[in-house]
Amino acid sequence: MTSRSYRQHCGVAEALDVLGERWTLLILRDLLPGPQRFTDLARRQPGMGTDLLTSRLRRLEEHDLVERVPLPAPANGSMYQLTERGDDVRPVLAALARLGATWLPTTPTGRRRYDASWALTTIAEHLGDRAPTALGLTVTCDGHHHSLVVADDGTTSSVYGDLLDPAVRIEGPTRNILAVLFGRVARSEEPDVQITGDDADIDAWLDAIAHAVPFATR
């Protein structure tokens, strides 16, 4: 046991001995949509520091929650991804996202950071099998792509990257996109956000998000 262990013979305490340290669950959150390079993880957690990120990743590797895999050729280097055991944390993070979303303020306040991938990961967990049956949705902002994919069984998942032919594509500044997705601004009133796709598909996606996510339209 570590010096910071709760030293309790209990499953909850044992899990918290591994997962309860600051930043750890947020690292796992950022790996839910797919593998990430060290620099990608560091970019999403600028207040963490690279030494601490290295330490947290090493501990997650030791507990078989995260593993390193080679980058796709022809790139060199490696990236981190969840192991099968790491993916078991998914429902825990989904439950935290559902609970935390009910407390989120309507817009980021103070010095809060915001990231489209965080929002879309939360949206995917809330949508479940209520997403439109059309092809997925891709959001592009700040030079990064993030997509919502609907599986054959109707469930929704969030993934890093661009879809080849999404039913709906949204592009623009992150804050403006989030305002439209959460129904705080009508898409017709947000000139900085470009939404392409069939009108019926666009309406279906925006309506599904507005009705599924607790902080939408609030």
Protein backbone atom coordinates (compact mmCIF):
# COMPACT_ATOMS: atom_id res chain seq x y z
CA MET A 1 0.00 0.00 0.00
CA THR A 2 1.11 3.57 -0.60
CA SER A 3 1.63 6.06 2.21
CA ARG A 4 -1.53 7.79 1.03
CA SER A 5 -3.61 4.63 1.23
CA TYR A 6 -6.89 4.66 3.14
CA ARG A 7 -5.77 1.28 4.55
CA GLN A 8 -9.30 -0.07 4.52
CA HIS A 9 -10.24 -3.57 3.34
CA CYS A 10 -13.02 -2.23 1.09
CA GLY A 11 -13.47 -2.14 -2.68
CA VAL A 12 -14.33 1.58 -2.70
CA ALA A 13 -11.26 2.45 -0.62
CA GLU A 14 -9.04 0.22 -2.74
CA ALA A 15 -10.27 1.90 -5.94
CA LEU A 16 -9.69 5.33 -4.45
CA ASP A 17 -6.15 4.34 -3.46
CA VAL A 18 -5.47 4.01 -7.20
CA LEU A 19 -7.89 6.51 -8.75
CA GLY A 20 -8.42 9.10 -6.03
CA GLU A 21 -5.31 11.20 -6.55
CA ARG A 22 -5.79 14.57 -8.19
CA TRP A 23 -5.82 14.55 -12.02
CA THR A 24 -6.01 10.75 -12.34
CA LEU A 25 -9.68 10.49 -13.32
CA LEU A 26 -9.30 13.43 -15.70
CA ILE A 27 -6.47 11.62 -17.51
CA LEU A 28 -8.74 8.60 -17.90
CA ARG A 29 -11.55 10.88 -19.09
CA ASP A 30 -9.31 12.21 -21.85
CA LEU A 31 -8.51 8.66 -22.95
CA LEU A 32 -12.16 7.58 -23.21
CA PRO A 33 -12.55 8.75 -26.84
CA GLY A 34 -9.34 7.03 -27.92
CA PRO A 35 -5.53 6.96 -27.68
CA GLN A 36 -3.61 10.16 -27.04
CA ARG A 37 0.02 11.17 -27.23
CA PHE A 38 1.70 12.49 -24.10
CA THR A 39 1.71 15.99 -25.60
CA ASP A 40 -2.06 15.76 -26.27
CA LEU A 41 -2.73 14.81 -22.65
CA ALA A 42 -0.45 17.59 -21.40
CA ARG A 43 -2.23 20.13 -23.61
CA ARG A 44 -5.58 19.22 -22.07
CA GLN A 45 -4.21 19.57 -18.53
CA PRO A 46 -1.98 22.68 -18.64
CA GLY A 47 -2.14 23.18 -14.88
CA MET A 48 -0.79 19.73 -14.15
CA GLY A 49 2.85 19.83 -15.15
CA THR A 50 4.64 17.22 -17.24
CA ASP A 51 6.48 15.60 -14.32
CA LEU A 52 3.23 14.95 -12.48
CA LEU A 53 1.55 13.70 -15.67
CA THR A 54 4.44 11.26 -16.16
CA SER A 55 4.03 10.05 -12.58
CA ARG A 56 0.27 9.57 -12.90
CA LEU A 57 0.60 7.71 -16.20
CA ARG A 58 3.27 5.44 -14.74
CA ARG A 59 1.00 4.58 -11.83
CA LEU A 60 -1.92 3.89 -14.18
CA GLU A 61 0.33 1.61 -16.23
CA GLU A 62 1.42 -0.24 -13.10
CA HIS A 63 -2.23 -0.97 -12.29
CA ASP A 64 -3.01 -2.13 -15.84
CA LEU A 65 -5.39 0.75 -16.53
CA VAL A 66 -3.34 2.41 -19.28
CA GLU A 67 -0.85 1.06 -21.77
CA ARG A 68 1.55 2.51 -24.32
CA VAL A 69 1.16 1.53 -27.96
CA PRO A 70 3.12 2.61 -31.07
CA LEU A 71 1.89 5.52 -33.13
CA PRO A 72 0.51 4.50 -36.54
CA ALA A 73 3.19 4.38 -39.26
CA PRO A 74 4.96 6.32 -40.57
CA ALA A 75 5.03 8.30 -37.31
CA ASN A 76 7.51 7.39 -34.59
CA GLY A 77 6.90 7.34 -30.87
CA SER A 78 4.05 6.05 -28.77
CA MET A 79 0.67 7.01 -27.39
CA TYR A 80 -1.41 6.02 -24.40
CA GLN A 81 -4.68 4.14 -24.45
CA LEU A 82 -7.02 2.48 -21.97
CA THR A 83 -6.56 -1.21 -21.32
CA GLU A 84 -9.54 -3.53 -20.95
CA ARG A 85 -9.42 -2.92 -17.21
CA GLY A 86 -9.09 0.81 -17.81
CA ASP A 87 -12.25 0.74 -19.91
CA ASP A 88 -14.04 -0.69 -16.86
CA VAL A 89 -13.76 2.83 -15.37
CA ARG A 90 -16.01 4.15 -18.18
CA PRO A 91 -19.35 3.71 -16.31
CA VAL A 92 -17.82 5.36 -13.24
CA LEU A 93 -16.81 8.41 -15.27
CA ALA A 94 -20.19 8.42 -17.02
CA ALA A 95 -21.97 8.51 -13.67
CA LEU A 96 -19.73 11.35 -12.47
CA ALA A 97 -20.40 13.23 -15.73
CA ARG A 98 -24.16 12.85 -15.34
CA LEU A 99 -24.06 14.06 -11.73
CA GLY A 100 -21.59 16.88 -12.32
CA ALA A 101 -23.49 18.14 -15.35
CA THR A 102 -26.46 18.98 -13.13
CA TRP A 103 -24.25 21.44 -11.19
CA LEU A 104 -22.41 23.04 -14.10
CA PRO A 105 -23.07 26.76 -14.58
CA THR A 106 -24.71 27.70 -17.86
CA THR A 107 -21.42 29.05 -19.24
CA PRO A 108 -17.78 28.73 -18.11
CA THR A 109 -17.15 31.25 -15.36
CA GLY A 110 -14.01 32.86 -13.98
CA ARG A 111 -10.85 31.11 -15.12
CA ARG A 112 -12.55 27.81 -15.99
CA ARG A 113 -11.15 26.08 -19.05
CA TYR A 114 -13.46 24.44 -21.54
CA ASP A 115 -12.85 21.91 -24.27
CA ALA A 116 -15.20 20.60 -26.93
CA SER A 117 -14.01 17.03 -26.36
CA TRP A 118 -15.07 17.19 -22.69
CA ALA A 119 -18.53 18.38 -23.67
CA LEU A 120 -18.95 15.79 -26.43
CA THR A 121 -17.81 12.96 -24.18
CA THR A 122 -20.45 14.01 -21.66
CA ILE A 123 -23.06 14.37 -24.41
CA ALA A 124 -22.31 10.85 -25.67
CA GLU A 125 -22.83 9.38 -22.21
CA HIS A 126 -26.14 11.21 -21.83
CA LEU A 127 -27.51 10.40 -25.26
CA GLY A 128 -27.16 6.64 -24.87
CA ASP A 129 -29.49 5.11 -27.47
CA ARG A 130 -31.44 8.35 -28.00
CA ALA A 131 -29.17 9.71 -30.71
CA PRO A 132 -30.50 10.19 -34.25
CA THR A 133 -30.18 7.06 -36.37
CA ALA A 134 -28.48 9.05 -39.13
CA LEU A 135 -24.73 9.04 -39.60
CA GLY A 136 -22.69 10.75 -36.89
CA LEU A 137 -21.76 14.32 -36.07
CA THR A 138 -18.31 15.92 -36.33
CA VAL A 139 -17.28 19.09 -34.52
CA THR A 140 -14.19 21.02 -35.64
CA CYS A 141 -12.82 23.81 -33.49
CA ASP A 142 -9.41 25.21 -32.66
CA GLY A 143 -7.88 22.95 -35.29
CA HIS A 144 -9.11 19.72 -33.68
CA HIS A 145 -11.81 17.25 -34.72
CA HIS A 146 -14.10 15.36 -32.39
CA SER A 147 -17.02 13.17 -33.43
CA LEU A 148 -20.12 11.46 -32.08
CA VAL A 149 -20.67 8.04 -33.62
CA VAL A 150 -23.90 6.03 -33.52
CA ALA A 151 -23.34 2.26 -33.38
CA ASP A 152 -25.57 -0.37 -34.94
CA ASP A 153 -27.29 -0.90 -31.59
CA GLY A 154 -28.11 2.81 -31.41
CA THR A 155 -25.67 3.74 -28.65
CA THR A 156 -23.51 6.83 -29.00
CA SER A 157 -19.79 7.13 -28.37
CA SER A 158 -17.36 10.01 -28.68
CA VAL A 159 -14.15 9.59 -30.66
CA TYR A 160 -11.20 11.80 -31.53
CA GLY A 161 -10.93 12.61 -35.21
CA ASP A 162 -13.00 13.44 -38.26
CA LEU A 163 -15.66 11.20 -39.82
CA LEU A 164 -15.44 10.69 -43.57
CA ASP A 165 -19.08 11.53 -44.20
CA PRO A 166 -20.93 12.70 -41.08
CA ALA A 167 -24.59 13.56 -41.28
CA VAL A 168 -23.81 16.87 -39.59
CA ARG A 169 -20.61 18.89 -39.46
CA ILE A 170 -20.13 21.86 -37.11
CA GLU A 171 -17.21 24.27 -37.31
CA GLY A 172 -16.30 27.41 -35.39
CA PRO A 173 -14.92 28.71 -32.08
CA THR A 174 -15.34 26.32 -29.15
CA ARG A 175 -17.39 28.65 -26.94
CA ASN A 176 -19.80 29.51 -29.76
CA ILE A 177 -20.26 25.87 -30.73
CA LEU A 178 -21.04 24.88 -27.14
CA ALA A 179 -23.61 27.68 -26.91
CA VAL A 180 -25.40 26.28 -29.98
CA LEU A 181 -25.15 22.63 -28.91
CA PHE A 182 -26.63 23.41 -25.51
CA GLY A 183 -29.44 25.52 -26.93
CA ARG A 184 -28.35 28.81 -25.38
CA VAL A 185 -28.08 30.46 -28.78
CA ALA A 186 -30.14 29.58 -31.85
CA ARG A 187 -27.95 28.40 -34.70
CA SER A 188 -29.49 31.09 -36.93
CA GLU A 189 -28.19 33.71 -34.47
CA GLU A 190 -24.58 32.47 -34.34
CA PRO A 191 -22.77 33.61 -37.52
CA ASP A 192 -19.40 32.28 -36.32
CA VAL A 193 -20.68 28.68 -36.28
CA GLN A 194 -21.05 26.89 -39.61
CA ILE A 195 -23.34 23.85 -39.60
CA THR A 196 -23.65 21.73 -42.73
CA GLY A 197 -25.92 18.79 -43.41
CA ASP A 198 -29.55 18.08 -44.12
CA ASP A 199 -31.82 20.37 -42.09
CA ALA A 200 -33.73 17.38 -40.70
CA ASP A 201 -30.49 15.75 -39.49
CA ILE A 202 -29.26 19.00 -37.96
CA ASP A 203 -32.52 19.54 -36.09
CA ALA A 204 -32.57 15.90 -34.95
CA TRP A 205 -29.08 16.09 -33.47
CA LEU A 206 -29.58 19.45 -31.75
CA ASP A 207 -32.96 18.38 -30.34
CA ALA A 208 -31.54 15.09 -29.05
CA ILE A 209 -28.71 16.89 -27.26
CA ALA A 210 -31.04 19.53 -25.80
CA HIS A 211 -33.35 16.88 -24.36
CA ALA A 212 -30.65 14.53 -23.09
CA VAL A 213 -28.09 16.75 -21.38
CA PRO A 214 -29.04 18.21 -17.98
CA PHE A 215 -27.29 21.55 -18.50
CA ALA A 216 -28.60 22.12 -22.03
CA THR A 217 -31.03 25.04 -22.42
CA ARG A 218 -30.70 25.77 -18.68
